Amino acid sequence: MQHPEVKAFLHAPSGTFSYVVWDPATLSAAIFDSVLDYDDASGRTAHHSSDEIVSFVKDHGLCTSFIIDTHVHADHLSAMKRIQRQLGGKLCASEHIGAVQSHFGRLFNTDDHFACDGSQFDHLFTDGETYRLGTIEARVIHTPGHTPACMTHVIGDAAFVGDTLFMPDSGTARCDFPGGDAATLYRSIQKIFALPPNTRLFLCHDYKSPGRDEFVCETTVAAQRRDNIHIHDGIGEAEFVAMRSRRDATLPMPKLILPSVQVNMRAGQFPPAEGNGVHYLKIPLNAI
């Protein structure tokens, strides 16, 4: 199986991993799940994290073909639009992004100029769609459950799974966001488990489980099927749904969900500036 090169970038405050993946033969690259630095106390953004990615791409002579968010993140702002301005490439999301935009468009009372059809992105991937990263074959798997627009990208022997799975000692994603569903997540994970056992799985988050002092971003299908504390082989759908539902009922909302979604559903762009030239993020009160 073809073997792309992968470089991980950790954003420690949110436990987020971004990735540059490329074909060593052609240097064609994709960037996954980039982070725009954001201070919620001051409302100021910065771009140290995305600049690190941009510098890596330039220093290694890579050509950016795709800039992909595996889903609309709720814990960090996406830097995909800023990276596109610097490196080019197509901004990509799932064809189901409209479901997320419609819900949150209502929540944030966006005006009529906000389209809930994914048109902010350059390309919307469909389930089963194939594409190429240079000479390497790639395909998309729709893996909803955490959100309705989650997708996994399989590029050669590597798969980028977003928040669907965490490291085996951390388990699986929550399913209580709008459009999330634990039974759907269970079935989505079975699609990932059907990949070859040695498939490298690259995760969007890690939270250093008790007893583990380092962030880790990579595992395999075989390790997940054997060791995942929530969904290893032998765990049935009903058992998983009951566990996930109990657990989700105890979880607080992510600290940055409200600012993050407003930017990320716009493909990394801020809401339009108001008459004074300032961009604003809304905080709906008592609404979620």
C-alpha atoms as a PDB file:
ATOM      1  CA  MET A   1       0.000   0.000   0.000  1.00  0.00           C
ATOM      2  CA  GLN A   2       1.197   3.533  -0.763  1.00  0.00           C
ATOM      3  CA  HIS A   3       2.845   5.333   2.141  1.00  0.00           C
ATOM      4  CA  PRO A   4       2.466   9.124   2.376  1.00  0.00           C
ATOM      5  CA  GLU A   5       4.704  11.215   4.580  1.00  0.00           C
ATOM      6  CA  VAL A   6       2.968  12.845   7.565  1.00  0.00           C
ATOM      7  CA  LYS A   7       4.037  15.690   9.836  1.00  0.00           C
ATOM      8  CA  ALA A   8       1.966  16.431  12.950  1.00  0.00           C
ATOM      9  CA  PHE A   9       1.665  19.829  14.638  1.00  0.00           C
ATOM     10  CA  LEU A  10       0.366  20.033  18.212  1.00  0.00           C
ATOM     11  CA  HIS A  11      -1.708  22.943  19.514  1.00  0.00           C
ATOM     12  CA  ALA A  12      -1.308  22.130  23.194  1.00  0.00           C
ATOM     13  CA  PRO A  13      -3.951  24.530  24.640  1.00  0.00           C
ATOM     14  CA  SER A  14      -6.729  22.647  22.838  1.00  0.00           C
ATOM     15  CA  GLY A  15      -5.020  19.258  22.528  1.00  0.00           C
ATOM     16  CA  THR A  16      -5.431  19.546  18.752  1.00  0.00           C
ATOM     17  CA  PHE A  17      -3.253  17.913  16.121  1.00  0.00           C
ATOM     18  CA  SER A  18      -3.002  19.420  12.650  1.00  0.00           C
ATOM     19  CA  TYR A  19      -1.282  17.550   9.840  1.00  0.00           C
ATOM     20  CA  VAL A  20       0.629  18.056   6.636  1.00  0.00           C
ATOM     21  CA  VAL A  21       0.503  14.892   4.528  1.00  0.00           C
ATOM     22  CA  TRP A  22       2.295  14.616   1.220  1.00  0.00           C
ATOM     23  CA  ASP A  23       3.325  12.360  -1.621  1.00  0.00           C
ATOM     24  CA  PRO A  24       7.144  12.047  -1.500  1.00  0.00           C
ATOM     25  CA  ALA A  25       7.247  11.416  -5.265  1.00  0.00           C
ATOM     26  CA  THR A  26       5.495  14.621  -6.342  1.00  0.00           C
ATOM     27  CA  LEU A  27       5.511  16.761  -3.141  1.00  0.00           C
ATOM     28  CA  SER A  28       1.749  17.291  -3.515  1.00  0.00           C
ATOM     29  CA  ALA A  29       0.379  18.002  -0.027  1.00  0.00           C
ATOM     30  CA  ALA A  30      -2.839  18.261   1.981  1.00  0.00           C
ATOM     31  CA  ILE A  31      -3.270  20.104   5.260  1.00  0.00           C
ATOM     32  CA  PHE A  32      -5.740  18.808   7.843  1.00  0.00           C
ATOM     33  CA  ASP A  33      -7.468  20.578  10.748  1.00  0.00           C
ATOM     34  CA  SER A  34      -5.375  23.720  11.110  1.00  0.00           C
ATOM     35  CA  VAL A  35      -5.675  25.996  14.154  1.00  0.00           C
ATOM     36  CA  LEU A  36      -5.990  29.775  14.398  1.00  0.00           C
ATOM     37  CA  ASP A  37      -4.753  30.935  17.799  1.00  0.00           C
ATOM     38  CA  TYR A  38      -7.460  32.743  19.770  1.00  0.00           C
ATOM     39  CA  ASP A  39      -7.531  34.392  23.178  1.00  0.00           C
ATOM     40  CA  ASP A  40     -11.107  34.363  24.417  1.00  0.00           C
ATOM     41  CA  ALA A  41     -10.461  36.944  27.150  1.00  0.00           C
ATOM     42  CA  SER A  42      -9.287  39.635  24.732  1.00  0.00           C
ATOM     43  CA  GLY A  43     -11.036  38.477  21.561  1.00  0.00           C
ATOM     44  CA  ARG A  44      -7.695  38.622  19.731  1.00  0.00           C
ATOM     45  CA  THR A  45      -6.475  36.134  17.163  1.00  0.00           C
ATOM     46  CA  ALA A  46      -2.906  35.206  16.280  1.00  0.00           C
ATOM     47  CA  HIS A  47      -1.320  32.860  13.783  1.00  0.00           C
ATOM     48  CA  HIS A  48       1.753  31.314  15.389  1.00  0.00           C
ATOM     49  CA  SER A  49       0.325  27.811  14.918  1.00  0.00           C
ATOM     50  CA  SER A  50      -0.638  28.205  11.282  1.00  0.00           C
ATOM     51  CA  ASP A  51       2.631  30.004  10.476  1.00  0.00           C
ATOM     52  CA  GLU A  52       4.498  26.926  11.668  1.00  0.00           C
ATOM     53  CA  ILE A  53       2.593  24.849   9.130  1.00  0.00           C
ATOM     54  CA  VAL A  54       3.157  27.375   6.343  1.00  0.00           C
ATOM     55  CA  SER A  55       6.894  27.514   7.078  1.00  0.00           C
ATOM     56  CA  PHE A  56       7.130  23.721   7.019  1.00  0.00           C
ATOM     57  CA  VAL A  57       5.376  23.507   3.659  1.00  0.00           C
ATOM     58  CA  LYS A  58       7.594  26.175   2.125  1.00  0.00           C
ATOM     59  CA  ASP A  59      10.817  24.831   3.644  1.00  0.00           C
ATOM     60  CA  HIS A  60      10.148  21.357   2.233  1.00  0.00           C
ATOM     61  CA  GLY A  61       9.107  22.561  -1.220  1.00  0.00           C
ATOM     62  CA  LEU A  62       5.611  21.117  -0.931  1.00  0.00           C
ATOM     63  CA  CYS A  63       2.710  22.133  -3.162  1.00  0.00           C
ATOM     64  CA  THR A  64      -0.562  22.500  -1.264  1.00  0.00           C
ATOM     65  CA  SER A  65      -3.417  20.838  -3.144  1.00  0.00           C
ATOM     66  CA  PHE A  66      -6.053  20.580  -0.404  1.00  0.00           C
ATOM     67  CA  ILE A  67      -6.779  22.305   2.908  1.00  0.00           C
ATOM     68  CA  ILE A  68      -9.273  20.109   4.737  1.00  0.00           C
ATOM     69  CA  ASP A  69     -11.263  20.345   7.938  1.00  0.00           C
ATOM     70  CA  THR A  70     -12.557  16.902   8.896  1.00  0.00           C
ATOM     71  CA  HIS A  71     -15.607  18.568  10.489  1.00  0.00           C
ATOM     72  CA  VAL A  72     -16.768  21.882  11.961  1.00  0.00           C
ATOM     73  CA  HIS A  73     -14.623  21.978  15.077  1.00  0.00           C
ATOM     74  CA  ALA A  74     -16.075  23.157  18.375  1.00  0.00           C
ATOM     75  CA  ASP A  75     -12.866  23.659  20.351  1.00  0.00           C
ATOM     76  CA  HIS A  76     -10.630  25.759  18.122  1.00  0.00           C
ATOM     77  CA  LEU A  77     -10.877  28.250  15.287  1.00  0.00           C
ATOM     78  CA  SER A  78      -9.795  27.014  11.861  1.00  0.00           C
ATOM     79  CA  ALA A  79      -6.885  28.691  10.076  1.00  0.00           C
ATOM     80  CA  MET A  80      -7.774  27.179   6.715  1.00  0.00           C
ATOM     81  CA  LYS A  81      -8.606  30.476   4.993  1.00  0.00           C
ATOM     82  CA  ARG A  82      -5.431  32.166   6.213  1.00  0.00           C
ATOM     83  CA  ILE A  83      -3.335  29.215   5.039  1.00  0.00           C
ATOM     84  CA  GLN A  84      -5.000  29.288   1.631  1.00  0.00           C
ATOM     85  CA  ARG A  85      -4.041  32.939   1.205  1.00  0.00           C
ATOM     86  CA  GLN A  86      -0.415  31.997   1.817  1.00  0.00           C
ATOM     87  CA  LEU A  87      -0.128  28.627   0.088  1.00  0.00           C
ATOM     88  CA  GLY A  88      -3.092  28.176  -2.266  1.00  0.00           C
ATOM     89  CA  GLY A  89      -5.020  24.923  -2.409  1.00  0.00           C
ATOM     90  CA  LYS A  90      -8.716  24.103  -2.244  1.00  0.00           C
ATOM     91  CA  LEU A  91     -10.696  24.587   0.971  1.00  0.00           C
ATOM     92  CA  CYS A  92     -12.584  21.342   1.550  1.00  0.00           C
ATOM     93  CA  ALA A  93     -15.307  20.002   3.823  1.00  0.00           C
ATOM     94  CA  SER A  94     -18.072  17.398   3.746  1.00  0.00           C
ATOM     95  CA  GLU A  95     -21.113  17.637   1.497  1.00  0.00           C
ATOM     96  CA  HIS A  96     -23.146  17.495   4.731  1.00  0.00           C
ATOM     97  CA  ILE A  97     -21.760  20.792   6.001  1.00  0.00           C
ATOM     98  CA  GLY A  98     -25.088  22.471   5.227  1.00  0.00           C
ATOM     99  CA  ALA A  99     -26.763  20.615   8.102  1.00  0.00           C
ATOM    100  CA  VAL A 100     -24.304  22.182  10.543  1.00  0.00           C
ATOM    101  CA  GLN A 101     -24.562  25.602   8.917  1.00  0.00           C
ATOM    102  CA  SER A 102     -28.355  25.534   9.010  1.00  0.00           C
ATOM    103  CA  HIS A 103     -28.531  24.725  12.713  1.00  0.00           C
ATOM    104  CA  PHE A 104     -25.915  27.204  13.817  1.00  0.00           C
ATOM    105  CA  GLY A 105     -27.057  29.795  11.332  1.00  0.00           C
ATOM    106  CA  ARG A 106     -30.373  29.831  13.203  1.00  0.00           C
ATOM    107  CA  LEU A 107     -28.634  29.854  16.589  1.00  0.00           C
ATOM    108  CA  PHE A 108     -26.501  32.855  15.669  1.00  0.00           C
ATOM    109  CA  ASN A 109     -29.315  34.531  13.718  1.00  0.00           C
ATOM    110  CA  THR A 110     -27.095  35.043  10.678  1.00  0.00           C
ATOM    111  CA  ASP A 111     -28.410  37.376   8.013  1.00  0.00           C
ATOM    112  CA  ASP A 112     -29.710  36.365   4.600  1.00  0.00           C
ATOM    113  CA  HIS A 113     -26.237  36.681   3.092  1.00  0.00           C
ATOM    114  CA  PHE A 114     -24.986  33.597   4.955  1.00  0.00           C
ATOM    115  CA  ALA A 115     -25.526  30.612   2.653  1.00  0.00           C
ATOM    116  CA  CYS A 116     -26.171  27.242   4.299  1.00  0.00           C
ATOM    117  CA  ASP A 117     -25.044  25.244   1.277  1.00  0.00           C
ATOM    118  CA  GLY A 118     -21.307  24.902   1.827  1.00  0.00           C
ATOM    119  CA  SER A 119     -20.497  27.455  -0.869  1.00  0.00           C
ATOM    120  CA  GLN A 120     -17.890  29.058   1.411  1.00  0.00           C
ATOM    121  CA  PHE A 121     -15.682  26.052   0.587  1.00  0.00           C
ATOM    122  CA  ASP A 122     -14.074  25.260  -2.764  1.00  0.00           C
ATOM    123  CA  HIS A 123     -14.970  21.574  -2.726  1.00  0.00           C
ATOM    124  CA  LEU A 124     -17.408  19.402  -0.776  1.00  0.00           C
ATOM    125  CA  PHE A 125     -16.427  15.753  -0.593  1.00  0.00           C
ATOM    126  CA  THR A 126     -19.047  13.034  -0.966  1.00  0.00           C
ATOM    127  CA  ASP A 127     -19.070   9.645   0.736  1.00  0.00           C
ATOM    128  CA  GLY A 128     -16.880   7.235  -1.205  1.00  0.00           C
ATOM    129  CA  GLU A 129     -15.366   9.943  -3.376  1.00  0.00           C
ATOM    130  CA  THR A 130     -11.852   9.208  -4.591  1.00  0.00           C
ATOM    131  CA  TYR A 131      -9.096  11.647  -5.420  1.00  0.00           C
ATOM    132  CA  ARG A 132      -5.324  11.684  -5.719  1.00  0.00           C
ATOM    133  CA  LEU A 133      -2.614  13.323  -3.696  1.00  0.00           C
ATOM    134  CA  GLY A 134       0.058  13.259  -6.363  1.00  0.00           C
ATOM    135  CA  THR A 135       0.525   9.577  -7.171  1.00  0.00           C
ATOM    136  CA  ILE A 136      -1.213   8.374  -4.003  1.00  0.00           C
ATOM    137  CA  GLU A 137      -4.809   7.200  -4.099  1.00  0.00           C
ATOM    138  CA  ALA A 138      -7.188   8.703  -1.545  1.00  0.00           C
ATOM    139  CA  ARG A 139     -10.839   8.270  -0.666  1.00  0.00           C
ATOM    140  CA  VAL A 140     -13.396   9.766   1.662  1.00  0.00           C
ATOM    141  CA  ILE A 141     -15.579   7.940   4.183  1.00  0.00           C
ATOM    142  CA  HIS A 142     -18.575   9.750   5.678  1.00  0.00           C
ATOM    143  CA  THR A 143     -18.239   9.049   9.423  1.00  0.00           C
ATOM    144  CA  PRO A 144     -20.991  11.020  11.205  1.00  0.00           C
ATOM    145  CA  GLY A 145     -22.039  10.663  14.826  1.00  0.00           C
ATOM    146  CA  HIS A 146     -19.911  13.297  16.525  1.00  0.00           C
ATOM    147  CA  THR A 147     -21.394  15.774  14.024  1.00  0.00           C
ATOM    148  CA  PRO A 148     -23.418  15.106  10.866  1.00  0.00           C
ATOM    149  CA  ALA A 149     -20.580  16.350   8.643  1.00  0.00           C
ATOM    150  CA  CYS A 150     -17.621  14.346   9.959  1.00  0.00           C
ATOM    151  CA  MET A 151     -15.465  12.545   7.422  1.00  0.00           C
ATOM    152  CA  THR A 152     -12.413  10.295   7.388  1.00  0.00           C
ATOM    153  CA  HIS A 153      -9.806  10.652   4.650  1.00  0.00           C
ATOM    154  CA  VAL A 154      -7.883   7.519   3.721  1.00  0.00           C
ATOM    155  CA  ILE A 155      -4.675   8.452   1.889  1.00  0.00           C
ATOM    156  CA  GLY A 156      -2.622   5.390   1.053  1.00  0.00           C
ATOM    157  CA  ASP A 157      -1.982   3.564   4.325  1.00  0.00           C
ATOM    158  CA  ALA A 158      -2.922   6.610   6.457  1.00  0.00           C
ATOM    159  CA  ALA A 159      -6.383   7.668   7.631  1.00  0.00           C
ATOM    160  CA  PHE A 160      -7.259  11.037   9.135  1.00  0.00           C
ATOM    161  CA  VAL A 161     -10.245  10.427  11.386  1.00  0.00           C
ATOM    162  CA  GLY A 162     -10.938  13.834  12.950  1.00  0.00           C
ATOM    163  CA  ASP A 163     -12.630  13.516  16.354  1.00  0.00           C
ATOM    164  CA  THR A 164     -14.326  10.182  15.645  1.00  0.00           C
ATOM    165  CA  LEU A 165     -11.728   8.211  17.600  1.00  0.00           C
ATOM    166  CA  PHE A 166      -9.192   9.186  20.250  1.00  0.00           C
ATOM    167  CA  MET A 167      -6.225   7.147  21.436  1.00  0.00           C
ATOM    168  CA  PRO A 168      -7.344   3.725  22.683  1.00  0.00           C
ATOM    169  CA  ASP A 169      -6.913   4.789  26.316  1.00  0.00           C
ATOM    170  CA  SER A 170      -9.216   7.795  25.739  1.00  0.00           C
ATOM    171  CA  GLY A 171     -12.020   6.209  23.722  1.00  0.00           C
ATOM    172  CA  THR A 172     -14.357   7.998  21.344  1.00  0.00           C
ATOM    173  CA  ALA A 173     -15.900  11.363  20.542  1.00  0.00           C
ATOM    174  CA  ARG A 174     -18.926  12.815  22.284  1.00  0.00           C
ATOM    175  CA  CYS A 175     -22.242  12.652  20.428  1.00  0.00           C
ATOM    176  CA  ASP A 176     -24.364  15.330  22.123  1.00  0.00           C
ATOM    177  CA  PHE A 177     -23.682  18.187  19.697  1.00  0.00           C
ATOM    178  CA  PRO A 178     -26.516  19.163  17.305  1.00  0.00           C
ATOM    179  CA  GLY A 179     -26.972  16.362  14.783  1.00  0.00           C
ATOM    180  CA  GLY A 180     -24.773  13.978  16.789  1.00  0.00           C
ATOM    181  CA  ASP A 181     -25.907  10.440  17.535  1.00  0.00           C
ATOM    182  CA  ALA A 182     -24.189   7.620  19.411  1.00  0.00           C
ATOM    183  CA  ALA A 183     -25.623   4.787  17.312  1.00  0.00           C
ATOM    184  CA  THR A 184     -24.509   6.584  14.160  1.00  0.00           C
ATOM    185  CA  LEU A 185     -21.016   7.024  15.615  1.00  0.00           C
ATOM    186  CA  TYR A 186     -20.828   3.319  16.430  1.00  0.00           C
ATOM    187  CA  ARG A 187     -21.631   2.431  12.811  1.00  0.00           C
ATOM    188  CA  SER A 188     -19.171   5.008  11.499  1.00  0.00           C
ATOM    189  CA  ILE A 189     -16.382   3.536  13.601  1.00  0.00           C
ATOM    190  CA  GLN A 190     -17.122   0.094  12.155  1.00  0.00           C
ATOM    191  CA  LYS A 191     -16.264   1.566   8.734  1.00  0.00           C
ATOM    192  CA  ILE A 192     -12.884   2.624  10.090  1.00  0.00           C
ATOM    193  CA  PHE A 193     -12.393  -0.759  11.760  1.00  0.00           C
ATOM    194  CA  ALA A 194     -12.953  -2.398   8.372  1.00  0.00           C
ATOM    195  CA  LEU A 195      -9.759  -0.815   7.029  1.00  0.00           C
ATOM    196  CA  PRO A 196      -6.613  -2.990   6.943  1.00  0.00           C
ATOM    197  CA  PRO A 197      -5.315  -3.635  10.485  1.00  0.00           C
ATOM    198  CA  ASN A 198      -2.010  -1.839   9.883  1.00  0.00           C
ATOM    199  CA  THR A 199      -3.680   1.340   8.612  1.00  0.00           C
ATOM    200  CA  ARG A 200      -2.151   4.304  10.412  1.00  0.00           C
ATOM    201  CA  LEU A 201      -4.839   6.378  12.143  1.00  0.00           C
ATOM    202  CA  PHE A 202      -4.078  10.041  12.744  1.00  0.00           C
ATOM    203  CA  LEU A 203      -6.257  11.647  15.405  1.00  0.00           C
ATOM    204  CA  CYS A 204      -7.329  15.265  15.713  1.00  0.00           C
ATOM    205  CA  HIS A 205      -7.137  15.348  19.518  1.00  0.00           C
ATOM    206  CA  ASP A 206      -5.367  13.851  22.489  1.00  0.00           C
ATOM    207  CA  TYR A 207      -5.838  14.694  26.154  1.00  0.00           C
ATOM    208  CA  LYS A 208      -3.091  12.651  27.865  1.00  0.00           C
ATOM    209  CA  SER A 209      -5.081  10.026  29.748  1.00  0.00           C
ATOM    210  CA  PRO A 210      -4.172   9.311  33.388  1.00  0.00           C
ATOM    211  CA  GLY A 211      -0.802   7.615  33.574  1.00  0.00           C
ATOM    212  CA  ARG A 212       0.359   8.990  30.213  1.00  0.00           C
ATOM    213  CA  ASP A 213       2.456  12.154  30.256  1.00  0.00           C
ATOM    214  CA  GLU A 214       2.844  12.830  26.530  1.00  0.00           C
ATOM    215  CA  PHE A 215       0.463  13.797  23.762  1.00  0.00           C
ATOM    216  CA  VAL A 216       0.140  11.054  21.124  1.00  0.00           C
ATOM    217  CA  CYS A 217      -1.473  11.444  17.697  1.00  0.00           C
ATOM    218  CA  GLU A 218      -1.008   8.130  15.883  1.00  0.00           C
ATOM    219  CA  THR A 219      -2.366   4.632  16.361  1.00  0.00           C
ATOM    220  CA  THR A 220      -3.566   1.784  14.115  1.00  0.00           C
ATOM    221  CA  VAL A 221      -6.798   0.040  13.288  1.00  0.00           C
ATOM    222  CA  ALA A 222      -5.517  -3.108  14.994  1.00  0.00           C
ATOM    223  CA  ALA A 223      -4.684  -1.231  18.206  1.00  0.00           C
ATOM    224  CA  GLN A 224      -8.085   0.452  18.277  1.00  0.00           C
ATOM    225  CA  ARG A 225      -9.972  -2.782  17.702  1.00  0.00           C
ATOM    226  CA  ARG A 226      -7.994  -4.485  20.453  1.00  0.00           C
ATOM    227  CA  ASP A 227      -7.655  -1.769  23.099  1.00  0.00           C
ATOM    228  CA  ASN A 228     -10.123   1.103  22.682  1.00  0.00           C
ATOM    229  CA  ILE A 229     -11.772   1.471  26.084  1.00  0.00           C
ATOM    230  CA  HIS A 230     -15.143   2.413  24.553  1.00  0.00           C
ATOM    231  CA  ILE A 231     -15.464   0.351  21.396  1.00  0.00           C
ATOM    232  CA  HIS A 232     -12.996  -2.547  21.141  1.00  0.00           C
ATOM    233  CA  ASP A 233     -14.000  -5.761  19.389  1.00  0.00           C
ATOM    234  CA  GLY A 234     -16.829  -7.419  21.297  1.00  0.00           C
ATOM    235  CA  ILE A 235     -18.601  -4.175  22.273  1.00  0.00           C
ATOM    236  CA  GLY A 236     -22.068  -4.126  20.712  1.00  0.00           C
ATOM    237  CA  GLU A 237     -24.004  -1.116  19.528  1.00  0.00           C
ATOM    238  CA  ALA A 238     -26.491  -1.043  22.425  1.00  0.00           C
ATOM    239  CA  GLU A 239     -23.712  -1.255  25.015  1.00  0.00           C
ATOM    240  CA  PHE A 240     -21.781   1.526  23.285  1.00  0.00           C
ATOM    241  CA  VAL A 241     -24.820   3.794  22.981  1.00  0.00           C
ATOM    242  CA  ALA A 242     -25.658   3.359  26.670  1.00  0.00           C
ATOM    243  CA  MET A 243     -22.077   4.161  27.704  1.00  0.00           C
ATOM    244  CA  ARG A 244     -21.785   7.124  25.375  1.00  0.00           C
ATOM    245  CA  SER A 245     -25.122   8.580  26.468  1.00  0.00           C
ATOM    246  CA  ARG A 246     -24.227   8.330  30.158  1.00  0.00           C
ATOM    247  CA  ARG A 247     -20.833   9.867  29.594  1.00  0.00           C
ATOM    248  CA  ASP A 248     -22.051  12.704  27.367  1.00  0.00           C
ATOM    249  CA  ALA A 249     -24.579  13.757  30.008  1.00  0.00           C
ATOM    250  CA  THR A 250     -21.658  14.614  32.331  1.00  0.00           C
ATOM    251  CA  LEU A 251     -19.576  16.661  29.872  1.00  0.00           C
ATOM    252  CA  PRO A 252     -19.509  20.476  29.842  1.00  0.00           C
ATOM    253  CA  MET A 253     -19.679  22.355  26.563  1.00  0.00           C
ATOM    254  CA  PRO A 254     -16.242  23.042  25.028  1.00  0.00           C
ATOM    255  CA  LYS A 255     -14.892  26.388  26.156  1.00  0.00           C
ATOM    256  CA  LEU A 256     -14.615  27.779  22.622  1.00  0.00           C
ATOM    257  CA  ILE A 257     -17.650  26.212  20.953  1.00  0.00           C
ATOM    258  CA  LEU A 258     -19.457  29.518  20.336  1.00  0.00           C
ATOM    259  CA  PRO A 259     -16.589  31.465  18.744  1.00  0.00           C
ATOM    260  CA  SER A 260     -15.228  28.396  16.968  1.00  0.00           C
ATOM    261  CA  VAL A 261     -18.374  27.379  15.148  1.00  0.00           C
ATOM    262  CA  GLN A 262     -19.082  30.900  13.899  1.00  0.00           C
ATOM    263  CA  VAL A 263     -15.696  30.968  12.166  1.00  0.00           C
ATOM    264  CA  ASN A 264     -15.400  27.331  11.138  1.00  0.00           C
ATOM    265  CA  MET A 265     -18.797  27.090   9.441  1.00  0.00           C
ATOM    266  CA  ARG A 266     -17.536  29.962   7.260  1.00  0.00           C
ATOM    267  CA  ALA A 267     -14.423  28.038   6.151  1.00  0.00           C
ATOM    268  CA  GLY A 268     -12.151  29.893   8.543  1.00  0.00           C
ATOM    269  CA  GLN A 269     -13.467  33.360   7.777  1.00  0.00           C
ATOM    270  CA  PHE A 270     -14.769  35.840  10.345  1.00  0.00           C
ATOM    271  CA  PRO A 271     -18.369  37.062  10.188  1.00  0.00           C
ATOM    272  CA  PRO A 272     -18.649  40.181   8.000  1.00  0.00           C
ATOM    273  CA  ALA A 273     -17.319  43.379   9.537  1.00  0.00           C
ATOM    274  CA  GLU A 274     -19.924  45.814  10.794  1.00  0.00           C
ATOM    275  CA  GLY A 275     -20.157  49.505   9.944  1.00  0.00           C
ATOM    276  CA  ASN A 276     -17.228  50.418  12.168  1.00  0.00           C
ATOM    277  CA  GLY A 277     -14.958  47.932  10.402  1.00  0.00           C
ATOM    278  CA  VAL A 278     -14.842  45.528  13.350  1.00  0.00           C
ATOM    279  CA  HIS A 279     -15.703  41.806  13.148  1.00  0.00           C
ATOM    280  CA  TYR A 280     -17.920  40.519  15.961  1.00  0.00           C
ATOM    281  CA  LEU A 281     -18.699  37.071  17.342  1.00  0.00           C
ATOM    282  CA  LYS A 282     -22.094  36.567  18.939  1.00  0.00           C
ATOM    283  CA  ILE A 283     -22.725  34.922  22.303  1.00  0.00           C
ATOM    284  CA  PRO A 284     -26.329  33.665  22.418  1.00  0.00           C
ATOM    285  CA  LEU A 285     -27.539  33.580  26.000  1.00  0.00           C
ATOM    286  CA  ASN A 286     -29.359  30.542  27.465  1.00  0.00           C
ATOM    287  CA  ALA A 287     -29.679  29.028  23.988  1.00  0.00           C
ATOM    288  CA  ILE A 288     -27.612  25.815  24.150  1.00  0.00           C
END
